[in-house]
PDB file of N, CA and C in Angstrom:
ATOM      1  N   MET A   1       6.837  24.177 -28.921  1.00  0.00           N
ATOM      2  CA  MET A   1       6.863  22.816 -28.477  1.00  0.00           C
ATOM      3  C   MET A   1       6.186  22.706 -27.112  1.00  0.00           C
ATOM      4  N   SER A   2       5.289  21.777 -26.978  1.00  0.00           N
ATOM      5  CA  SER A   2       4.525  21.590 -25.758  1.00  0.00           C
ATOM      6  C   SER A   2       5.352  20.851 -24.708  1.00  0.00           C
ATOM      7  N   LYS A   3       5.213  21.272 -23.455  1.00  0.00           N
ATOM      8  CA  LYS A   3       5.902  20.581 -22.370  1.00  0.00           C
ATOM      9  C   LYS A   3       5.291  19.206 -22.167  1.00  0.00           C
ATOM     10  N   THR A   4       6.132  18.260 -21.783  1.00  0.00           N
ATOM     11  CA  THR A   4       5.634  16.929 -21.447  1.00  0.00           C
ATOM     12  C   THR A   4       6.092  16.570 -20.037  1.00  0.00           C
ATOM     13  N   TYR A   5       5.338  15.681 -19.418  1.00  0.00           N
ATOM     14  CA  TYR A   5       5.583  15.309 -18.032  1.00  0.00           C
ATOM     15  C   TYR A   5       5.640  13.797 -17.903  1.00  0.00           C
ATOM     16  N   VAL A   6       6.396  13.322 -16.910  1.00  0.00           N
ATOM     17  CA  VAL A   6       6.600  11.888 -16.717  1.00  0.00           C
ATOM     18  C   VAL A   6       6.170  11.482 -15.310  1.00  0.00           C
ATOM     19  N   VAL A   7       6.078  10.172 -15.118  1.00  0.00           N
ATOM     20  CA  VAL A   7       5.732   9.630 -13.810  1.00  0.00           C
ATOM     21  C   VAL A   7       6.716  10.159 -12.771  1.00  0.00           C
ATOM     22  N   GLY A   8       6.198  10.582 -11.642  1.00  0.00           N
ATOM     23  CA  GLY A   8       7.026  11.146 -10.584  1.00  0.00           C
ATOM     24  C   GLY A   8       7.032  12.659 -10.571  1.00  0.00           C
ATOM     25  N   ASP A   9       6.518  13.295 -11.628  1.00  0.00           N
ATOM     26  CA  ASP A   9       6.470  14.749 -11.649  1.00  0.00           C
ATOM     27  C   ASP A   9       5.481  15.247 -10.602  1.00  0.00           C
ATOM     28  N   ILE A  10       5.877  16.327  -9.925  1.00  0.00           N
ATOM     29  CA  ILE A  10       5.090  16.919  -8.846  1.00  0.00           C
ATOM     30  C   ILE A  10       4.454  18.199  -9.366  1.00  0.00           C
ATOM     31  N   PHE A  11       3.194  18.407  -9.001  1.00  0.00           N
ATOM     32  CA  PHE A  11       2.460  19.603  -9.405  1.00  0.00           C
ATOM     33  C   PHE A  11       1.789  20.233  -8.200  1.00  0.00           C
ATOM     34  N   LYS A  12       1.748  21.569  -8.211  1.00  0.00           N
ATOM     35  CA  LYS A  12       0.909  22.289  -7.262  1.00  0.00           C
ATOM     36  C   LYS A  12      -0.407  22.531  -7.988  1.00  0.00           C
ATOM     37  N   VAL A  13      -1.514  22.103  -7.380  1.00  0.00           N
ATOM     38  CA  VAL A  13      -2.829  22.278  -7.989  1.00  0.00           C
ATOM     39  C   VAL A  13      -3.753  22.948  -6.984  1.00  0.00           C
ATOM     40  N   ARG A  14      -4.766  23.578  -7.490  1.00  0.00           N
ATOM     41  CA  ARG A  14      -5.735  24.275  -6.644  1.00  0.00           C
ATOM     42  C   ARG A  14      -6.830  23.317  -6.213  1.00  0.00           C
ATOM     43  N   ASP A  15      -7.023  23.169  -4.915  1.00  0.00           N
ATOM     44  CA  ASP A  15      -8.140  22.403  -4.368  1.00  0.00           C
ATOM     45  C   ASP A  15      -9.282  23.390  -4.171  1.00  0.00           C
ATOM     46  N   ASN A  16     -10.229  23.375  -5.096  1.00  0.00           N
ATOM     47  CA  ASN A  16     -11.313  24.349  -5.058  1.00  0.00           C
ATOM     48  C   ASN A  16     -12.214  24.167  -3.844  1.00  0.00           C
ATOM     49  N   ALA A  17     -12.396  22.942  -3.384  1.00  0.00           N
ATOM     50  CA  ALA A  17     -13.249  22.690  -2.222  1.00  0.00           C
ATOM     51  C   ALA A  17     -12.658  23.326  -0.962  1.00  0.00           C
ATOM     52  N   LEU A  18     -11.353  23.219  -0.784  1.00  0.00           N
ATOM     53  CA  LEU A  18     -10.686  23.776   0.398  1.00  0.00           C
ATOM     54  C   LEU A  18     -10.139  25.178   0.164  1.00  0.00           C
ATOM     55  N   GLN A  19     -10.189  25.640  -1.083  1.00  0.00           N
ATOM     56  CA  GLN A  19      -9.660  26.954  -1.455  1.00  0.00           C
ATOM     57  C   GLN A  19      -8.193  27.112  -1.040  1.00  0.00           C
ATOM     58  N   MET A  20      -7.402  26.076  -1.362  1.00  0.00           N
ATOM     59  CA  MET A  20      -5.973  26.136  -1.088  1.00  0.00           C
ATOM     60  C   MET A  20      -5.222  25.281  -2.099  1.00  0.00           C
ATOM     61  N   ASP A  21      -3.921  25.516  -2.187  1.00  0.00           N
ATOM     62  CA  ASP A  21      -3.089  24.732  -3.092  1.00  0.00           C
ATOM     63  C   ASP A  21      -2.631  23.453  -2.404  1.00  0.00           C
ATOM     64  N   LYS A  22      -2.514  22.386  -3.196  1.00  0.00           N
ATOM     65  CA  LYS A  22      -2.046  21.086  -2.706  1.00  0.00           C
ATOM     66  C   LYS A  22      -1.014  20.553  -3.689  1.00  0.00           C
ATOM     67  N   PHE A  23      -0.231  19.579  -3.243  1.00  0.00           N
ATOM     68  CA  PHE A  23       0.762  18.952  -4.104  1.00  0.00           C
ATOM     69  C   PHE A  23       0.313  17.548  -4.481  1.00  0.00           C
ATOM     70  N   VAL A  24       0.490  17.217  -5.758  1.00  0.00           N
ATOM     71  CA  VAL A  24       0.132  15.899  -6.277  1.00  0.00           C
ATOM     72  C   VAL A  24       1.287  15.372  -7.124  1.00  0.00           C
ATOM     73  N   VAL A  25       1.315  14.047  -7.297  1.00  0.00           N
ATOM     74  CA  VAL A  25       2.370  13.395  -8.079  1.00  0.00           C
ATOM     75  C   VAL A  25       1.729  12.578  -9.185  1.00  0.00           C
ATOM     76  N   LEU A  26       2.281  12.665 -10.395  1.00  0.00           N
ATOM     77  CA  LEU A  26       1.810  11.859 -11.514  1.00  0.00           C
ATOM     78  C   LEU A  26       2.246  10.413 -11.301  1.00  0.00           C
ATOM     79  N   THR A  27       1.277   9.507 -11.388  1.00  0.00           N
ATOM     80  CA  THR A  27       1.492   8.088 -11.104  1.00  0.00           C
ATOM     81  C   THR A  27       0.965   7.256 -12.256  1.00  0.00           C
ATOM     82  N   ARG A  28       1.525   6.057 -12.415  1.00  0.00           N
ATOM     83  CA  ARG A  28       1.067   5.144 -13.462  1.00  0.00           C
ATOM     84  C   ARG A  28       0.919   3.753 -12.865  1.00  0.00           C
ATOM     85  N   ALA A  29      -0.173   3.088 -13.218  1.00  0.00           N
ATOM     86  CA  ALA A  29      -0.388   1.693 -12.815  1.00  0.00           C
ATOM     87  C   ALA A  29      -0.557   0.862 -14.073  1.00  0.00           C
ATOM     88  N   LEU A  30       0.116  -0.275 -14.106  1.00  0.00           N
ATOM     89  CA  LEU A  30       0.026  -1.183 -15.252  1.00  0.00           C
ATOM     90  C   LEU A  30      -0.706  -2.438 -14.810  1.00  0.00           C
ATOM     91  N   MET A  31      -1.899  -2.607 -15.336  1.00  0.00           N
ATOM     92  CA  MET A  31      -2.672  -3.814 -15.067  1.00  0.00           C
ATOM     93  C   MET A  31      -3.082  -4.371 -16.414  1.00  0.00           C
ATOM     94  N   ASP A  32      -4.349  -4.417 -16.676  1.00  0.00           N
ATOM     95  CA  ASP A  32      -4.818  -4.851 -17.991  1.00  0.00           C
ATOM     96  C   ASP A  32      -4.515  -3.811 -19.060  1.00  0.00           C
ATOM     97  N   ALA A  33      -4.278  -2.579 -18.621  1.00  0.00           N
ATOM     98  CA  ALA A  33      -3.932  -1.463 -19.502  1.00  0.00           C
ATOM     99  C   ALA A  33      -3.017  -0.537 -18.699  1.00  0.00           C
ATOM    100  N   GLU A  34      -2.659   0.574 -19.295  1.00  0.00           N
ATOM    101  CA  GLU A  34      -1.795   1.554 -18.645  1.00  0.00           C
ATOM    102  C   GLU A  34      -2.674   2.693 -18.143  1.00  0.00           C
ATOM    103  N   HIS A  35      -2.656   2.959 -16.828  1.00  0.00           N
ATOM    104  CA  HIS A  35      -3.516   3.966 -16.221  1.00  0.00           C
ATOM    105  C   HIS A  35      -2.653   5.054 -15.585  1.00  0.00           C
ATOM    106  N   PHE A  36      -2.895   6.308 -15.961  1.00  0.00           N
ATOM    107  CA  PHE A  36      -2.228   7.449 -15.348  1.00  0.00           C
ATOM    108  C   PHE A  36      -3.227   8.156 -14.444  1.00  0.00           C
ATOM    109  N   PHE A  37      -2.762   8.598 -13.264  1.00  0.00           N
ATOM    110  CA  PHE A  37      -3.614   9.353 -12.355  1.00  0.00           C
ATOM    111  C   PHE A  37      -2.719  10.171 -11.430  1.00  0.00           C
ATOM    112  N   LEU A  38      -3.327  11.095 -10.695  1.00  0.00           N
ATOM    113  CA  LEU A  38      -2.587  11.922  -9.752  1.00  0.00           C
ATOM    114  C   LEU A  38      -2.840  11.419  -8.338  1.00  0.00           C
ATOM    115  N   VAL A  39      -1.795  11.436  -7.509  1.00  0.00           N
ATOM    116  CA  VAL A  39      -1.883  11.005  -6.119  1.00  0.00           C
ATOM    117  C   VAL A  39      -1.491  12.188  -5.234  1.00  0.00           C
ATOM    118  N   SER A  40      -2.261  12.405  -4.175  1.00  0.00           N
ATOM    119  CA  SER A  40      -1.963  13.463  -3.222  1.00  0.00           C
ATOM    120  C   SER A  40      -0.666  13.157  -2.487  1.00  0.00           C
ATOM    121  N   VAL A  41       0.212  14.145  -2.377  1.00  0.00           N
ATOM    122  CA  VAL A  41       1.461  13.957  -1.646  1.00  0.00           C
ATOM    123  C   VAL A  41       1.176  13.764  -0.155  1.00  0.00           C
ATOM    124  N   GLY A  42       0.131  14.407   0.351  1.00  0.00           N
ATOM    125  CA  GLY A  42      -0.177  14.335   1.778  1.00  0.00           C
ATOM    126  C   GLY A  42      -0.762  13.014   2.231  1.00  0.00           C
ATOM    127  N   SER A  43      -1.548  12.370   1.384  1.00  0.00           N
ATOM    128  CA  SER A  43      -2.250  11.155   1.820  1.00  0.00           C
ATOM    129  C   SER A  43      -1.943   9.923   0.975  1.00  0.00           C
ATOM    130  N   PHE A  44      -1.279  10.101  -0.151  1.00  0.00           N
ATOM    131  CA  PHE A  44      -1.008   9.026  -1.115  1.00  0.00           C
ATOM    132  C   PHE A  44      -2.291   8.413  -1.662  1.00  0.00           C
ATOM    133  N   GLU A  45      -3.390   9.143  -1.580  1.00  0.00           N
ATOM    134  CA  GLU A  45      -4.655   8.698  -2.154  1.00  0.00           C
ATOM    135  C   GLU A  45      -4.847   9.375  -3.504  1.00  0.00           C
ATOM    136  N   PRO A  46      -5.652   8.779  -4.370  1.00  0.00           N
ATOM    137  CA  PRO A  46      -5.922   9.427  -5.660  1.00  0.00           C
ATOM    138  C   PRO A  46      -6.475  10.836  -5.452  1.00  0.00           C
ATOM    139  N   TRP A  47      -6.002  11.764  -6.264  1.00  0.00           N
ATOM    140  CA  TRP A  47      -6.441  13.150  -6.171  1.00  0.00           C
ATOM    141  C   TRP A  47      -7.893  13.290  -6.609  1.00  0.00           C
ATOM    142  N   SER A  48      -8.258  12.576  -7.655  1.00  0.00           N
ATOM    143  CA  SER A  48      -9.631  12.604  -8.155  1.00  0.00           C
ATOM    144  C   SER A  48      -9.931  11.242  -8.767  1.00  0.00           C
ATOM    145  N   GLU A  49     -11.127  11.080  -9.242  1.00  0.00           N
ATOM    146  CA  GLU A  49     -11.500   9.824  -9.889  1.00  0.00           C
ATOM    147  C   GLU A  49     -11.072   9.787 -11.351  1.00  0.00           C
ATOM    148  N   ARG A  50     -10.488  10.862 -11.825  1.00  0.00           N
ATOM    149  CA  ARG A  50     -10.092  10.937 -13.235  1.00  0.00           C
ATOM    150  C   ARG A  50      -8.825  10.128 -13.501  1.00  0.00           C
ATOM    151  N   THR A  51      -8.855   9.346 -14.568  1.00  0.00           N
ATOM    152  CA  THR A  51      -7.677   8.611 -15.021  1.00  0.00           C
ATOM    153  C   THR A  51      -7.586   8.715 -16.534  1.00  0.00           C
ATOM    154  N   LEU A  52      -6.404   8.535 -17.043  1.00  0.00           N
ATOM    155  CA  LEU A  52      -6.191   8.386 -18.482  1.00  0.00           C
ATOM    156  C   LEU A  52      -5.717   6.961 -18.693  1.00  0.00           C
ATOM    157  N   THR A  53      -6.419   6.233 -19.549  1.00  0.00           N
ATOM    158  CA  THR A  53      -6.110   4.824 -19.768  1.00  0.00           C
ATOM    159  C   THR A  53      -5.713   4.601 -21.214  1.00  0.00           C
ATOM    160  N   PHE A  54      -4.645   3.838 -21.394  1.00  0.00           N
ATOM    161  CA  PHE A  54      -4.159   3.490 -22.722  1.00  0.00           C
ATOM    162  C   PHE A  54      -4.070   1.979 -22.792  1.00  0.00           C
ATOM    163  N   GLU A  55      -4.671   1.409 -23.812  1.00  0.00           N
ATOM    164  CA  GLU A  55      -4.769  -0.049 -23.938  1.00  0.00           C
ATOM    165  C   GLU A  55      -3.415  -0.730 -24.137  1.00  0.00           C
ATOM    166  N   ASN A  56      -2.527  -0.110 -24.878  1.00  0.00           N
ATOM    167  CA  ASN A  56      -1.207  -0.703 -25.128  1.00  0.00           C
ATOM    168  C   ASN A  56      -0.266  -0.340 -23.989  1.00  0.00           C
ATOM    169  N   ARG A  57       0.050  -1.318 -23.166  1.00  0.00           N
ATOM    170  CA  ARG A  57       0.920  -1.078 -22.021  1.00  0.00           C
ATOM    171  C   ARG A  57       2.300  -0.628 -22.481  1.00  0.00           C
ATOM    172  N   TYR A  58       2.860   0.296 -21.759  1.00  0.00           N
ATOM    173  CA  TYR A  58       4.196   0.868 -21.997  1.00  0.00           C
ATOM    174  C   TYR A  58       4.282   1.711 -23.266  1.00  0.00           C
ATOM    175  N   GLU A  59       3.158   1.940 -23.942  1.00  0.00           N
ATOM    176  CA  GLU A  59       3.192   2.748 -25.168  1.00  0.00           C
ATOM    177  C   GLU A  59       3.383   4.224 -24.848  1.00  0.00           C
ATOM    178  N   LYS A  60       2.735   4.685 -23.797  1.00  0.00           N
ATOM    179  CA  LYS A  60       2.749   6.108 -23.471  1.00  0.00           C
ATOM    180  C   LYS A  60       3.628   6.317 -22.240  1.00  0.00           C
ATOM    181  N   THR A  61       4.627   7.167 -22.360  1.00  0.00           N
ATOM    182  CA  THR A  61       5.504   7.426 -21.222  1.00  0.00           C
ATOM    183  C   THR A  61       5.449   8.871 -20.753  1.00  0.00           C
ATOM    184  N   LYS A  62       4.837   9.744 -21.539  1.00  0.00           N
ATOM    185  CA  LYS A  62       4.769  11.161 -21.197  1.00  0.00           C
ATOM    186  C   LYS A  62       3.361  11.673 -21.425  1.00  0.00           C
ATOM    187  N   LEU A  63       2.958  12.660 -20.608  1.00  0.00           N
ATOM    188  CA  LEU A  63       1.676  13.333 -20.781  1.00  0.00           C
ATOM    189  C   LEU A  63       1.940  14.802 -21.039  1.00  0.00           C
ATOM    190  N   ASP A  64       1.026  15.443 -21.772  1.00  0.00           N
ATOM    191  CA  ASP A  64       1.190  16.874 -22.012  1.00  0.00           C
ATOM    192  C   ASP A  64       0.390  17.665 -20.974  1.00  0.00           C
ATOM    193  N   GLU A  65       0.515  18.982 -21.021  1.00  0.00           N
ATOM    194  CA  GLU A  65      -0.102  19.843 -20.017  1.00  0.00           C
ATOM    195  C   GLU A  65      -1.622  19.692 -19.973  1.00  0.00           C
ATOM    196  N   SER A  66      -2.263  19.574 -21.121  1.00  0.00           N
ATOM    197  CA  SER A  66      -3.727  19.444 -21.127  1.00  0.00           C
ATOM    198  C   SER A  66      -4.167  18.139 -20.462  1.00  0.00           C
ATOM    199  N   GLU A  67      -3.364  17.090 -20.596  1.00  0.00           N
ATOM    200  CA  GLU A  67      -3.698  15.820 -19.941  1.00  0.00           C
ATOM    201  C   GLU A  67      -3.543  15.934 -18.421  1.00  0.00           C
ATOM    202  N   ILE A  68      -2.528  16.655 -17.968  1.00  0.00           N
ATOM    203  CA  ILE A  68      -2.355  16.884 -16.531  1.00  0.00           C
ATOM    204  C   ILE A  68      -3.505  17.734 -16.001  1.00  0.00           C
ATOM    205  N   GLN A  69      -3.895  18.756 -16.746  1.00  0.00           N
ATOM    206  CA  GLN A  69      -5.024  19.594 -16.335  1.00  0.00           C
ATOM    207  C   GLN A  69      -6.307  18.776 -16.232  1.00  0.00           C
ATOM    208  N   TYR A  70      -6.501  17.857 -17.154  1.00  0.00           N
ATOM    209  CA  TYR A  70      -7.668  16.979 -17.087  1.00  0.00           C
ATOM    210  C   TYR A  70      -7.629  16.143 -15.804  1.00  0.00           C
ATOM    211  N   LEU A  71      -6.487  15.516 -15.524  1.00  0.00           N
ATOM    212  CA  LEU A  71      -6.373  14.687 -14.321  1.00  0.00           C
ATOM    213  C   LEU A  71      -6.581  15.502 -13.045  1.00  0.00           C
ATOM    214  N   ALA A  72      -6.085  16.736 -13.038  1.00  0.00           N
ATOM    215  CA  ALA A  72      -6.201  17.603 -11.866  1.00  0.00           C
ATOM    216  C   ALA A  72      -7.578  18.237 -11.752  1.00  0.00           C
ATOM    217  N   ASN A  73      -8.336  18.197 -12.828  1.00  0.00           N
ATOM    218  CA  ASN A  73      -9.661  18.820 -12.891  1.00  0.00           C
ATOM    219  C   ASN A  73      -9.573  20.336 -12.685  1.00  0.00           C
ATOM    220  N   THR A  74      -8.468  20.914 -13.145  1.00  0.00           N
ATOM    221  CA  THR A  74      -8.283  22.356 -13.075  1.00  0.00           C
ATOM    222  C   THR A  74      -7.189  22.762 -14.060  1.00  0.00           C
ATOM    223  N   SER A  75      -7.255  23.990 -14.513  1.00  0.00           N
ATOM    224  CA  SER A  75      -6.187  24.499 -15.376  1.00  0.00           C
ATOM    225  C   SER A  75      -5.088  25.150 -14.541  1.00  0.00           C
ATOM    226  N   ARG A  76      -5.332  25.286 -13.240  1.00  0.00           N
ATOM    227  CA  ARG A  76      -4.363  25.927 -12.344  1.00  0.00           C
ATOM    228  C   ARG A  76      -3.378  24.891 -11.813  1.00  0.00           C
ATOM    229  N   ILE A  77      -2.371  24.600 -12.610  1.00  0.00           N
ATOM    230  CA  ILE A  77      -1.326  23.661 -12.198  1.00  0.00           C
ATOM    231  C   ILE A  77       0.031  24.334 -12.364  1.00  0.00           C
ATOM    232  N   LYS A  78       0.971  23.946 -11.526  1.00  0.00           N
ATOM    233  CA  LYS A  78       2.340  24.446 -11.647  1.00  0.00           C
ATOM    234  C   LYS A  78       3.280  23.272 -11.420  1.00  0.00           C
ATOM    235  N   HIS A  79       4.166  23.036 -12.374  1.00  0.00           N
ATOM    236  CA  HIS A  79       5.139  21.945 -12.255  1.00  0.00           C
ATOM    237  C   HIS A  79       6.187  22.328 -11.221  1.00  0.00           C
ATOM    238  N   MET A  80       6.450  21.416 -10.261  1.00  0.00           N
ATOM    239  CA  MET A  80       7.362  21.709  -9.161  1.00  0.00           C
ATOM    240  C   MET A  80       8.637  20.866  -9.187  1.00  0.00           C
ATOM    241  N   GLY A  81       8.766  19.971 -10.158  1.00  0.00           N
ATOM    242  CA  GLY A  81       9.935  19.102 -10.218  1.00  0.00           C
ATOM    243  C   GLY A  81       9.502  17.655 -10.274  1.00  0.00           C
ATOM    244  N   ASN A  82      10.444  16.766 -10.004  1.00  0.00           N
ATOM    245  CA  ASN A  82      10.166  15.332 -10.030  1.00  0.00           C
ATOM    246  C   ASN A  82      10.596  14.728  -8.698  1.00  0.00           C
ATOM    247  N   MET A  83       9.910  13.689  -8.264  1.00  0.00           N
ATOM    248  CA  MET A  83      10.233  13.038  -6.989  1.00  0.00           C
ATOM    249  C   MET A  83      11.698  12.631  -6.925  1.00  0.00           C
ATOM    250  N   ASN A  84      12.285  12.265  -8.051  1.00  0.00           N
ATOM    251  CA  ASN A  84      13.705  11.894  -8.060  1.00  0.00           C
ATOM    252  C   ASN A  84      14.597  13.052  -7.624  1.00  0.00           C
ATOM    253  N   ASP A  85      14.136  14.293  -7.886  1.00  0.00           N
ATOM    254  CA  ASP A  85      14.895  15.469  -7.466  1.00  0.00           C
ATOM    255  C   ASP A  85      14.961  15.574  -5.945  1.00  0.00           C
ATOM    256  N   TYR A  86      13.959  15.050  -5.250  1.00  0.00           N
ATOM    257  CA  TYR A  86      13.830  15.190  -3.802  1.00  0.00           C
ATOM    258  C   TYR A  86      14.107  13.891  -3.047  1.00  0.00           C
ATOM    259  N   ARG A  87      14.349  12.815  -3.758  1.00  0.00           N
ATOM    260  CA  ARG A  87      14.500  11.493  -3.142  1.00  0.00           C
ATOM    261  C   ARG A  87      15.563  11.479  -2.045  1.00  0.00           C
ATOM    262  N   ASN A  88      16.738  12.009  -2.316  1.00  0.00           N
ATOM    263  CA  ASN A  88      17.819  11.977  -1.323  1.00  0.00           C
ATOM    264  C   ASN A  88      17.449  12.747  -0.060  1.00  0.00           C
ATOM    265  N   LYS A  89      16.796  13.880  -0.208  1.00  0.00           N
ATOM    266  CA  LYS A  89      16.374  14.671   0.956  1.00  0.00           C
ATOM    267  C   LYS A  89      15.330  13.920   1.771  1.00  0.00           C
ATOM    268  N   ILE A  90      14.395  13.269   1.101  1.00  0.00           N
ATOM    269  CA  ILE A  90      13.358  12.501   1.800  1.00  0.00           C
ATOM    270  C   ILE A  90      13.994  11.352   2.577  1.00  0.00           C
ATOM    271  N   VAL A  91      14.906  10.633   1.954  1.00  0.00           N
ATOM    272  CA  VAL A  91      15.596   9.524   2.624  1.00  0.00           C
ATOM    273  C   VAL A  91      16.394  10.044   3.820  1.00  0.00           C
ATOM    274  N   GLU A  92      17.045  11.181   3.659  1.00  0.00           N
ATOM    275  CA  GLU A  92      17.822  11.778   4.747  1.00  0.00           C
ATOM    276  C   GLU A  92      16.921  12.101   5.943  1.00  0.00           C
ATOM    277  N   ILE A  93      15.761  12.670   5.685  1.00  0.00           N
ATOM    278  CA  ILE A  93      14.811  13.001   6.756  1.00  0.00           C
ATOM    279  C   ILE A  93      14.322  11.734   7.447  1.00  0.00           C
ATOM    280  N   LEU A  94      13.992  10.718   6.675  1.00  0.00           N
ATOM    281  CA  LEU A  94      13.528   9.460   7.261  1.00  0.00           C
ATOM    282  C   LEU A  94      14.626   8.789   8.080  1.00  0.00           C
ATOM    283  N   ASP A  95      15.851   8.845   7.599  1.00  0.00           N
ATOM    284  CA  ASP A  95      16.972   8.276   8.352  1.00  0.00           C
ATOM    285  C   ASP A  95      17.169   9.005   9.682  1.00  0.00           C
ATOM    286  N   MET A  96      17.002  10.335   9.691  1.00  0.00           N
ATOM    287  CA  MET A  96      17.126  11.109  10.929  1.00  0.00           C
ATOM    288  C   MET A  96      16.038  10.701  11.919  1.00  0.00           C
ATOM    289  N   LYS A  97      14.835  10.473  11.439  1.00  0.00           N
ATOM    290  CA  LYS A  97      13.720  10.047  12.303  1.00  0.00           C
ATOM    291  C   LYS A  97      14.013   8.683  12.910  1.00  0.00           C
ATOM    292  N   GLU A  98      14.594   7.808  12.111  1.00  0.00           N
ATOM    293  CA  GLU A  98      14.894   6.458  12.579  1.00  0.00           C
ATOM    294  C   GLU A  98      15.973   6.484  13.663  1.00  0.00           C
ATOM    295  N   ALA A  99      16.899   7.424  13.574  1.00  0.00           N
ATOM    296  CA  ALA A  99      18.006   7.506  14.522  1.00  0.00           C
ATOM    297  C   ALA A  99      17.555   8.001  15.897  1.00  0.00           C
ATOM    298  N   VAL A 100      16.417   8.627  15.969  1.00  0.00           N
ATOM    299  CA  VAL A 100      15.936   9.196  17.247  1.00  0.00           C
ATOM    300  C   VAL A 100      15.408   8.133  18.161  1.00  0.00           C
TER     301      VAL A 100
END
């Protein structure tokens, strides 16, 4: 059975230009169609120009490993969890910053 991934999943991918690993998050935008793409955790900018588009909105909720590899433009990906797993820690850090 092939692994599937959902919006919010975090991946470590190889940035070949910088020769280092980076973290990206699977994102979805719903406009005229459903668009999946990866966003850099460091800058919140699109990781690449690659997107997967599905005409029927809300039809697709999961992507498989080959689709993630396509979006990342590399086969060197490692699943690191989901943003929901880290949400409380992120909020805690932001709250500490606000208290200073």
